[in-house]
């Protein structure tokens, strides 16, 4: 009973951020920070890029999309400054 009380006292944002950190680390995506904002999470990557994830969509699929898009852009010799995965189609802002 006590463990149930303690588990329920951890805010959902903190649980999601912990899950996100683990998922990003497993995919070897280097990040500096993760912050919660309304219905999304903002991930600051070590290369200075920013990724916006939806709290309403599967974190695993969004992390996989981030990995795929990053690899694809790297092959093309491009970097993004911002990647927004909250929508059906990702919104990518390419660095100049």
PDB file of N, CA and C in Angstrom:
ATOM      1  N   UNK A   1       0.815  -1.204   0.000  1.00  0.00           N
ATOM      2  CA  UNK A   1       0.000   0.000   0.000  1.00  0.00           C
ATOM      3  C   UNK A   1       0.859   1.268   0.000  1.00  0.00           C
ATOM      4  N   UNK A   2       1.932   1.260   0.768  1.00  0.00           N
ATOM      5  CA  UNK A   2       2.789   2.442   0.839  1.00  0.00           C
ATOM      6  C   UNK A   2       3.449   2.727  -0.503  1.00  0.00           C
ATOM      7  N   UNK A   3       3.913   1.679  -1.195  1.00  0.00           N
ATOM      8  CA  UNK A   3       4.573   1.882  -2.483  1.00  0.00           C
ATOM      9  C   UNK A   3       3.597   2.447  -3.513  1.00  0.00           C
ATOM     10  N   UNK A   4       2.340   2.072  -3.425  1.00  0.00           N
ATOM     11  CA  UNK A   4       1.332   2.606  -4.337  1.00  0.00           C
ATOM     12  C   UNK A   4       1.164   4.101  -4.117  1.00  0.00           C
ATOM     13  N   UNK A   5       1.133   4.505  -2.871  1.00  0.00           N
ATOM     14  CA  UNK A   5       0.996   5.922  -2.544  1.00  0.00           C
ATOM     15  C   UNK A   5       2.189   6.703  -3.084  1.00  0.00           C
ATOM     16  N   UNK A   6       3.398   6.181  -2.872  1.00  0.00           N
ATOM     17  CA  UNK A   6       4.605   6.860  -3.343  1.00  0.00           C
ATOM     18  C   UNK A   6       4.656   6.914  -4.866  1.00  0.00           C
ATOM     19  N   UNK A   7       4.279   5.837  -5.530  1.00  0.00           N
ATOM     20  CA  UNK A   7       4.309   5.805  -6.996  1.00  0.00           C
ATOM     21  C   UNK A   7       3.318   6.816  -7.573  1.00  0.00           C
ATOM     22  N   UNK A   8       2.159   6.928  -6.937  1.00  0.00           N
ATOM     23  CA  UNK A   8       1.149   7.864  -7.430  1.00  0.00           C
ATOM     24  C   UNK A   8       1.503   9.309  -7.148  1.00  0.00           C
ATOM     25  N   UNK A   9       2.422   9.546  -6.203  1.00  0.00           N
ATOM     26  CA  UNK A   9       2.761  10.922  -5.857  1.00  0.00           C
ATOM     27  C   UNK A   9       3.776  11.532  -6.833  1.00  0.00           C
ATOM     28  N   UNK A  10       4.385  10.715  -7.698  1.00  0.00           N
ATOM     29  CA  UNK A  10       5.328  11.236  -8.686  1.00  0.00           C
ATOM     30  C   UNK A  10       4.520  11.780  -9.859  1.00  0.00           C
ATOM     31  N   UNK A  11       4.687  13.069 -10.185  1.00  0.00           N
ATOM     32  CA  UNK A  11       3.916  13.651 -11.291  1.00  0.00           C
ATOM     33  C   UNK A  11       4.187  12.928 -12.608  1.00  0.00           C
ATOM     34  N   UNK A  12       3.178  12.885 -13.478  1.00  0.00           N
ATOM     35  CA  UNK A  12       3.295  12.206 -14.773  1.00  0.00           C
ATOM     36  C   UNK A  12       4.434  12.797 -15.601  1.00  0.00           C
ATOM     37  N   UNK A  13       4.618  14.122 -15.539  1.00  0.00           N
ATOM     38  CA  UNK A  13       5.708  14.767 -16.283  1.00  0.00           C
ATOM     39  C   UNK A  13       7.060  14.156 -15.919  1.00  0.00           C
ATOM     40  N   UNK A  14       7.277  13.947 -14.622  1.00  0.00           N
ATOM     41  CA  UNK A  14       8.558  13.381 -14.180  1.00  0.00           C
ATOM     42  C   UNK A  14       8.729  11.954 -14.673  1.00  0.00           C
ATOM     43  N   UNK A  15       7.649  11.178 -14.666  1.00  0.00           N
ATOM     44  CA  UNK A  15       7.699   9.797 -15.167  1.00  0.00           C
ATOM     45  C   UNK A  15       8.042   9.809 -16.657  1.00  0.00           C
ATOM     46  N   UNK A  16       7.371  10.686 -17.412  1.00  0.00           N
ATOM     47  CA  UNK A  16       7.616  10.777 -18.852  1.00  0.00           C
ATOM     48  C   UNK A  16       9.049  11.225 -19.145  1.00  0.00           C
ATOM     49  N   UNK A  17       9.543  12.188 -18.385  1.00  0.00           N
ATOM     50  CA  UNK A  17      10.907  12.683 -18.605  1.00  0.00           C
ATOM     51  C   UNK A  17      11.917  11.575 -18.308  1.00  0.00           C
ATOM     52  N   UNK A  18      11.685  10.809 -17.253  1.00  0.00           N
ATOM     53  CA  UNK A  18      12.563   9.681 -16.940  1.00  0.00           C
ATOM     54  C   UNK A  18      12.528   8.652 -18.065  1.00  0.00           C
ATOM     55  N   UNK A  19      11.341   8.372 -18.581  1.00  0.00           N
ATOM     56  CA  UNK A  19      11.185   7.428 -19.695  1.00  0.00           C
ATOM     57  C   UNK A  19      11.898   7.951 -20.939  1.00  0.00           C
ATOM     58  N   UNK A  20      11.734   9.251 -21.205  1.00  0.00           N
ATOM     59  CA  UNK A  20      12.387   9.883 -22.354  1.00  0.00           C
ATOM     60  C   UNK A  20      13.908   9.789 -22.253  1.00  0.00           C
ATOM     61  N   UNK A  21      14.446  10.102 -21.087  1.00  0.00           N
ATOM     62  CA  UNK A  21      15.903  10.030 -20.882  1.00  0.00           C
ATOM     63  C   UNK A  21      16.418   8.629 -21.171  1.00  0.00           C
ATOM     64  N   UNK A  22      15.700   7.636 -20.675  1.00  0.00           N
ATOM     65  CA  UNK A  22      16.101   6.250 -20.883  1.00  0.00           C
ATOM     66  C   UNK A  22      16.037   5.894 -22.370  1.00  0.00           C
ATOM     67  N   UNK A  23      14.946   6.275 -23.036  1.00  0.00           N
ATOM     68  CA  UNK A  23      14.771   5.969 -24.453  1.00  0.00           C
ATOM     69  C   UNK A  23      15.818   6.636 -25.326  1.00  0.00           C
ATOM     70  N   UNK A  24      16.126   7.898 -25.042  1.00  0.00           N
ATOM     71  CA  UNK A  24      17.136   8.622 -25.815  1.00  0.00           C
ATOM     72  C   UNK A  24      18.513   7.994 -25.616  1.00  0.00           C
ATOM     73  N   UNK A  25      18.823   7.619 -24.384  1.00  0.00           N
ATOM     74  CA  UNK A  25      20.112   6.991 -24.087  1.00  0.00           C
ATOM     75  C   UNK A  25      20.246   5.648 -24.801  1.00  0.00           C
ATOM     76  N   UNK A  26      19.161   4.866 -24.820  1.00  0.00           N
ATOM     77  CA  UNK A  26      19.180   3.564 -25.499  1.00  0.00           C
ATOM     78  C   UNK A  26      19.439   3.716 -27.000  1.00  0.00           C
ATOM     79  N   UNK A  27      18.914   4.785 -27.584  1.00  0.00           N
ATOM     80  CA  UNK A  27      19.102   5.034 -29.022  1.00  0.00           C
ATOM     81  C   UNK A  27      20.377   5.822 -29.296  1.00  0.00           C
ATOM     82  N   UNK A  28      21.154   6.073 -28.236  1.00  0.00           N
ATOM     83  CA  UNK A  28      22.421   6.801 -28.312  1.00  0.00           C
ATOM     84  C   UNK A  28      22.243   8.204 -28.893  1.00  0.00           C
ATOM     85  N   UNK A  29      21.170   8.863 -28.467  1.00  0.00           N
ATOM     86  CA  UNK A  29      20.911  10.249 -28.846  1.00  0.00           C
ATOM     87  C   UNK A  29      21.355  11.120 -27.671  1.00  0.00           C
ATOM     88  N   UNK A  30      22.380  11.947 -27.904  1.00  0.00           N
ATOM     89  CA  UNK A  30      22.935  12.759 -26.830  1.00  0.00           C
ATOM     90  C   UNK A  30      22.093  14.023 -26.635  1.00  0.00           C
ATOM     91  N   UNK A  31      21.677  14.252 -25.395  1.00  0.00           N
ATOM     92  CA  UNK A  31      20.854  15.414 -25.078  1.00  0.00           C
ATOM     93  C   UNK A  31      21.425  16.141 -23.872  1.00  0.00           C
ATOM     94  N   UNK A  32      21.086  17.418 -23.764  1.00  0.00           N
ATOM     95  CA  UNK A  32      21.531  18.211 -22.616  1.00  0.00           C
ATOM     96  C   UNK A  32      20.443  18.336 -21.564  1.00  0.00           C
ATOM     97  N   UNK A  33      19.211  18.590 -22.030  1.00  0.00           N
ATOM     98  CA  UNK A  33      18.126  18.774 -21.068  1.00  0.00           C
ATOM     99  C   UNK A  33      16.786  18.414 -21.687  1.00  0.00           C
ATOM    100  N   UNK A  34      15.817  18.151 -20.802  1.00  0.00           N
ATOM    101  CA  UNK A  34      14.436  17.879 -21.209  1.00  0.00           C
ATOM    102  C   UNK A  34      13.540  18.688 -20.289  1.00  0.00           C
ATOM    103  N   UNK A  35      12.615  19.427 -20.881  1.00  0.00           N
ATOM    104  CA  UNK A  35      11.675  20.191 -20.054  1.00  0.00           C
ATOM    105  C   UNK A  35      10.247  19.943 -20.536  1.00  0.00           C
ATOM    106  N   UNK A  36       9.313  20.034 -19.607  1.00  0.00           N
ATOM    107  CA  UNK A  36       7.895  19.843 -19.915  1.00  0.00           C
ATOM    108  C   UNK A  36       7.244  21.193 -20.136  1.00  0.00           C
ATOM    109  N   UNK A  37       6.328  21.223 -21.116  1.00  0.00           N
ATOM    110  CA  UNK A  37       5.608  22.455 -21.405  1.00  0.00           C
ATOM    111  C   UNK A  37       4.222  22.087 -21.923  1.00  0.00           C
ATOM    112  N   UNK A  38       3.196  22.417 -21.205  1.00  0.00           N
ATOM    113  CA  UNK A  38       1.796  22.095 -21.518  1.00  0.00           C
ATOM    114  C   UNK A  38       1.665  20.646 -21.968  1.00  0.00           C
ATOM    115  N   UNK A  39       1.414  20.378 -23.247  1.00  0.00           N
ATOM    116  CA  UNK A  39       1.214  18.993 -23.702  1.00  0.00           C
ATOM    117  C   UNK A  39       2.397  18.502 -24.529  1.00  0.00           C
ATOM    118  N   UNK A  40       3.576  19.044 -24.241  1.00  0.00           N
ATOM    119  CA  UNK A  40       4.750  18.627 -25.008  1.00  0.00           C
ATOM    120  C   UNK A  40       6.008  18.622 -24.141  1.00  0.00           C
ATOM    121  N   UNK A  41       7.055  18.043 -24.715  1.00  0.00           N
ATOM    122  CA  UNK A  41       8.361  18.012 -24.070  1.00  0.00           C
ATOM    123  C   UNK A  41       9.378  18.596 -25.031  1.00  0.00           C
ATOM    124  N   UNK A  42      10.270  19.402 -24.501  1.00  0.00           N
ATOM    125  CA  UNK A  42      11.307  20.019 -25.323  1.00  0.00           C
ATOM    126  C   UNK A  42      12.640  19.400 -24.932  1.00  0.00           C
ATOM    127  N   UNK A  43      13.287  18.786 -25.936  1.00  0.00           N
ATOM    128  CA  UNK A  43      14.573  18.129 -25.711  1.00  0.00           C
ATOM    129  C   UNK A  43      15.648  18.971 -26.385  1.00  0.00           C
ATOM    130  N   UNK A  44      16.620  19.422 -25.611  1.00  0.00           N
ATOM    131  CA  UNK A  44      17.766  20.148 -26.154  1.00  0.00           C
ATOM    132  C   UNK A  44      18.881  19.145 -26.378  1.00  0.00           C
ATOM    133  N   UNK A  45      19.294  19.001 -27.634  1.00  0.00           N
ATOM    134  CA  UNK A  45      20.350  18.058 -27.974  1.00  0.00           C
ATOM    135  C   UNK A  45      21.715  18.695 -27.772  1.00  0.00           C
ATOM    136  N   UNK A  46      22.741  17.863 -27.642  1.00  0.00           N
ATOM    137  CA  UNK A  46      24.101  18.363 -27.407  1.00  0.00           C
ATOM    138  C   UNK A  46      24.634  19.179 -28.580  1.00  0.00           C
ATOM    139  N   UNK A  47      24.116  18.934 -29.792  1.00  0.00           N
ATOM    140  CA  UNK A  47      24.594  19.680 -30.961  1.00  0.00           C
ATOM    141  C   UNK A  47      23.897  21.031 -31.116  1.00  0.00           C
ATOM    142  N   UNK A  48      23.066  21.400 -30.140  1.00  0.00           N
ATOM    143  CA  UNK A  48      22.390  22.692 -30.168  1.00  0.00           C
ATOM    144  C   UNK A  48      21.008  22.653 -30.793  1.00  0.00           C
ATOM    145  N   UNK A  49      20.591  21.500 -31.308  1.00  0.00           N
ATOM    146  CA  UNK A  49      19.265  21.366 -31.913  1.00  0.00           C
ATOM    147  C   UNK A  49      18.204  21.191 -30.827  1.00  0.00           C
ATOM    148  N   UNK A  50      16.968  21.453 -31.216  1.00  0.00           N
ATOM    149  CA  UNK A  50      15.848  21.332 -30.285  1.00  0.00           C
ATOM    150  C   UNK A  50      14.798  20.412 -30.898  1.00  0.00           C
ATOM    151  N   UNK A  51      14.256  19.511 -30.081  1.00  0.00           N
ATOM    152  CA  UNK A  51      13.222  18.583 -30.537  1.00  0.00           C
ATOM    153  C   UNK A  51      11.998  18.771 -29.656  1.00  0.00           C
ATOM    154  N   UNK A  52      10.831  18.871 -30.292  1.00  0.00           N
ATOM    155  CA  UNK A  52       9.582  19.011 -29.551  1.00  0.00           C
ATOM    156  C   UNK A  52       8.780  17.729 -29.733  1.00  0.00           C
ATOM    157  N   UNK A  53       8.452  17.087 -28.614  1.00  0.00           N
ATOM    158  CA  UNK A  53       7.704  15.831 -28.625  1.00  0.00           C
ATOM    159  C   UNK A  53       6.334  16.046 -27.999  1.00  0.00           C
ATOM    160  N   UNK A  54       5.337  15.301 -28.481  1.00  0.00           N
ATOM    161  CA  UNK A  54       3.995  15.389 -27.930  1.00  0.00           C
ATOM    162  C   UNK A  54       3.840  14.430 -26.761  1.00  0.00           C
ATOM    163  N   UNK A  55       3.174  14.881 -25.716  1.00  0.00           N
ATOM    164  CA  UNK A  55       2.885  13.987 -24.593  1.00  0.00           C
ATOM    165  C   UNK A  55       1.672  13.117 -24.913  1.00  0.00           C
ATOM    166  N   UNK A  56       0.998  13.400 -26.023  1.00  0.00           N
ATOM    167  CA  UNK A  56      -0.204  12.672 -26.417  1.00  0.00           C
ATOM    168  C   UNK A  56       0.091  11.503 -27.364  1.00  0.00           C
ATOM    169  N   UNK A  57       1.341  11.402 -27.819  1.00  0.00           N
ATOM    170  CA  UNK A  57       1.720  10.342 -28.758  1.00  0.00           C
ATOM    171  C   UNK A  57       2.736   9.408 -28.106  1.00  0.00           C
ATOM    172  N   UNK A  58       2.924   8.254 -28.707  1.00  0.00           N
ATOM    173  CA  UNK A  58       3.874   7.267 -28.184  1.00  0.00           C
ATOM    174  C   UNK A  58       5.289   7.839 -28.147  1.00  0.00           C
ATOM    175  N   UNK A  59       5.893   7.813 -26.974  1.00  0.00           N
ATOM    176  CA  UNK A  59       7.267   8.317 -26.828  1.00  0.00           C
ATOM    177  C   UNK A  59       8.238   7.460 -27.645  1.00  0.00           C
ATOM    178  N   UNK A  60       8.026   6.134 -27.623  1.00  0.00           N
ATOM    179  CA  UNK A  60       8.922   5.240 -28.365  1.00  0.00           C
ATOM    180  C   UNK A  60       8.926   5.555 -29.855  1.00  0.00           C
ATOM    181  N   UNK A  61       7.741   5.766 -30.426  1.00  0.00           N
ATOM    182  CA  UNK A  61       7.691   6.039 -31.868  1.00  0.00           C
ATOM    183  C   UNK A  61       8.301   7.408 -32.184  1.00  0.00           C
ATOM    184  N   UNK A  62       8.124   8.379 -31.305  1.00  0.00           N
ATOM    185  CA  UNK A  62       8.710   9.700 -31.534  1.00  0.00           C
ATOM    186  C   UNK A  62      10.239   9.658 -31.430  1.00  0.00           C
ATOM    187  N   UNK A  63      10.750   8.873 -30.490  1.00  0.00           N
ATOM    188  CA  UNK A  63      12.202   8.728 -30.347  1.00  0.00           C
ATOM    189  C   UNK A  63      12.767   8.021 -31.580  1.00  0.00           C
ATOM    190  N   UNK A  64      12.059   6.995 -32.068  1.00  0.00           N
ATOM    191  CA  UNK A  64      12.494   6.293 -33.279  1.00  0.00           C
ATOM    192  C   UNK A  64      12.478   7.232 -34.481  1.00  0.00           C
ATOM    193  N   UNK A  65      11.457   8.077 -34.577  1.00  0.00           N
ATOM    194  CA  UNK A  65      11.382   9.056 -35.663  1.00  0.00           C
ATOM    195  C   UNK A  65      12.547  10.035 -35.589  1.00  0.00           C
ATOM    196  N   UNK A  66      12.858  10.489 -34.383  1.00  0.00           N
ATOM    197  CA  UNK A  66      13.987  11.396 -34.179  1.00  0.00           C
ATOM    198  C   UNK A  66      15.278  10.742 -34.654  1.00  0.00           C
ATOM    199  N   UNK A  67      15.492   9.493 -34.278  1.00  0.00           N
ATOM    200  CA  UNK A  67      16.704   8.781 -34.678  1.00  0.00           C
ATOM    201  C   UNK A  67      16.770   8.635 -36.198  1.00  0.00           C
ATOM    202  N   UNK A  68      15.663   8.247 -36.828  1.00  0.00           N
ATOM    203  CA  UNK A  68      15.618   8.057 -38.272  1.00  0.00           C
ATOM    204  C   UNK A  68      15.895   9.364 -39.013  1.00  0.00           C
ATOM    205  N   UNK A  69      15.213  10.431 -38.597  1.00  0.00           N
ATOM    206  CA  UNK A  69      15.375  11.733 -39.261  1.00  0.00           C
ATOM    207  C   UNK A  69      16.805  12.247 -39.090  1.00  0.00           C
ATOM    208  N   UNK A  70      17.363  12.101 -37.882  1.00  0.00           N
ATOM    209  CA  UNK A  70      18.743  12.540 -37.634  1.00  0.00           C
ATOM    210  C   UNK A  70      19.727  11.799 -38.531  1.00  0.00           C
ATOM    211  N   UNK A  71      19.567  10.478 -38.621  1.00  0.00           N
ATOM    212  CA  UNK A  71      20.460   9.688 -39.466  1.00  0.00           C
ATOM    213  C   UNK A  71      20.325  10.082 -40.932  1.00  0.00           C
ATOM    214  N   UNK A  72      19.100  10.282 -41.366  1.00  0.00           N
ATOM    215  CA  UNK A  72      18.851  10.637 -42.774  1.00  0.00           C
ATOM    216  C   UNK A  72      19.484  11.987 -43.110  1.00  0.00           C
ATOM    217  N   UNK A  73      19.285  12.967 -42.248  1.00  0.00           N
ATOM    218  CA  UNK A  73      19.852  14.293 -42.485  1.00  0.00           C
ATOM    219  C   UNK A  73      21.380  14.255 -42.436  1.00  0.00           C
ATOM    220  N   UNK A  74      21.937  13.448 -41.538  1.00  0.00           N
ATOM    221  CA  UNK A  74      23.389  13.316 -41.439  1.00  0.00           C
ATOM    222  C   UNK A  74      23.954  12.762 -42.749  1.00  0.00           C
ATOM    223  N   UNK A  75      23.270  11.774 -43.329  1.00  0.00           N
ATOM    224  CA  UNK A  75      23.715  11.206 -44.609  1.00  0.00           C
ATOM    225  C   UNK A  75      23.685  12.262 -45.715  1.00  0.00           C
ATOM    226  N   UNK A  76      22.756  13.196 -45.605  1.00  0.00           N
ATOM    227  CA  UNK A  76      22.634  14.262 -46.606  1.00  0.00           C
ATOM    228  C   UNK A  76      23.534  15.451 -46.279  1.00  0.00           C
ATOM    229  N   UNK A  77      24.251  15.368 -45.149  1.00  0.00           N
ATOM    230  CA  UNK A  77      25.148  16.455 -44.756  1.00  0.00           C
ATOM    231  C   UNK A  77      24.427  17.678 -44.218  1.00  0.00           C
ATOM    232  N   UNK A  78      23.257  17.454 -43.613  1.00  0.00           N
ATOM    233  CA  UNK A  78      22.461  18.563 -43.082  1.00  0.00           C
ATOM    234  C   UNK A  78      22.244  18.383 -41.587  1.00  0.00           C
ATOM    235  N   UNK A  79      22.013  19.500 -40.914  1.00  0.00           N
ATOM    236  CA  UNK A  79      21.645  19.500 -39.504  1.00  0.00           C
ATOM    237  C   UNK A  79      20.342  20.281 -39.349  1.00  0.00           C
ATOM    238  N   UNK A  80      19.542  19.914 -38.358  1.00  0.00           N
ATOM    239  CA  UNK A  80      18.325  20.692 -38.104  1.00  0.00           C
ATOM    240  C   UNK A  80      18.519  21.540 -36.857  1.00  0.00           C
ATOM    241  N   UNK A  81      17.875  22.701 -36.846  1.00  0.00           N
ATOM    242  CA  UNK A  81      17.911  23.517 -35.641  1.00  0.00           C
ATOM    243  C   UNK A  81      16.704  23.183 -34.764  1.00  0.00           C
ATOM    244  N   UNK A  82      15.589  22.800 -35.422  1.00  0.00           N
ATOM    245  CA  UNK A  82      14.406  22.408 -34.660  1.00  0.00           C
ATOM    246  C   UNK A  82      13.652  21.310 -35.403  1.00  0.00           C
ATOM    247  N   UNK A  83      13.178  20.334 -34.635  1.00  0.00           N
ATOM    248  CA  UNK A  83      12.381  19.232 -35.169  1.00  0.00           C
ATOM    249  C   UNK A  83      11.143  19.122 -34.294  1.00  0.00           C
ATOM    250  N   UNK A  84       9.979  19.266 -34.901  1.00  0.00           N
ATOM    251  CA  UNK A  84       8.724  19.219 -34.163  1.00  0.00           C
ATOM    252  C   UNK A  84       7.972  17.950 -34.549  1.00  0.00           C
ATOM    253  N   UNK A  85       7.834  17.035 -33.602  1.00  0.00           N
ATOM    254  CA  UNK A  85       7.196  15.742 -33.865  1.00  0.00           C
ATOM    255  C   UNK A  85       5.768  15.668 -33.315  1.00  0.00           C
ATOM    256  N   UNK A  86       5.176  16.811 -32.989  1.00  0.00           N
ATOM    257  CA  UNK A  86       3.821  16.805 -32.419  1.00  0.00           C
ATOM    258  C   UNK A  86       2.741  16.550 -33.456  1.00  0.00           C
ATOM    259  N   UNK A  87       3.059  16.704 -34.717  1.00  0.00           N
ATOM    260  CA  UNK A  87       2.057  16.613 -35.773  1.00  0.00           C
ATOM    261  C   UNK A  87       2.190  15.298 -36.543  1.00  0.00           C
ATOM    262  N   UNK A  88       1.236  15.028 -37.438  1.00  0.00           N
ATOM    263  CA  UNK A  88       1.283  13.803 -38.238  1.00  0.00           C
ATOM    264  C   UNK A  88       2.544  13.742 -39.083  1.00  0.00           C
ATOM    265  N   UNK A  89       2.918  14.882 -39.639  1.00  0.00           N
ATOM    266  CA  UNK A  89       4.157  14.964 -40.419  1.00  0.00           C
ATOM    267  C   UNK A  89       5.129  15.864 -39.660  1.00  0.00           C
ATOM    268  N   UNK A  90       6.370  15.397 -39.456  1.00  0.00           N
ATOM    269  CA  UNK A  90       7.344  16.198 -38.706  1.00  0.00           C
ATOM    270  C   UNK A  90       7.636  17.535 -39.387  1.00  0.00           C
ATOM    271  N   UNK A  91       7.826  18.563 -38.586  1.00  0.00           N
ATOM    272  CA  UNK A  91       8.207  19.872 -39.085  1.00  0.00           C
ATOM    273  C   UNK A  91       9.696  20.042 -38.772  1.00  0.00           C
ATOM    274  N   UNK A  92      10.509  20.207 -39.832  1.00  0.00           N
ATOM    275  CA  UNK A  92      11.963  20.272 -39.673  1.00  0.00           C
ATOM    276  C   UNK A  92      12.449  21.640 -40.125  1.00  0.00           C
ATOM    277  N   UNK A  93      13.211  22.305 -39.262  1.00  0.00           N
ATOM    278  CA  UNK A  93      13.857  23.560 -39.638  1.00  0.00           C
ATOM    279  C   UNK A  93      15.348  23.251 -39.782  1.00  0.00           C
ATOM    280  N   UNK A  94      15.832  23.359 -41.009  1.00  0.00           N
ATOM    281  CA  UNK A  94      17.223  23.026 -41.333  1.00  0.00           C
ATOM    282  C   UNK A  94      18.125  24.207 -40.978  1.00  0.00           C
ATOM    283  N   UNK A  95      19.304  23.894 -40.444  1.00  0.00           N
ATOM    284  CA  UNK A  95      20.298  24.946 -40.157  1.00  0.00           C
ATOM    285  C   UNK A  95      20.889  25.450 -41.448  1.00  0.00           C
ATOM    286  N   UNK A  96      21.140  26.736 -41.465  1.00  0.00           N
ATOM    287  CA  UNK A  96      21.780  27.357 -42.648  1.00  0.00           C
ATOM    288  C   UNK A  96      23.272  27.239 -42.541  1.00  0.00           C
TER     289      UNK A  96
END
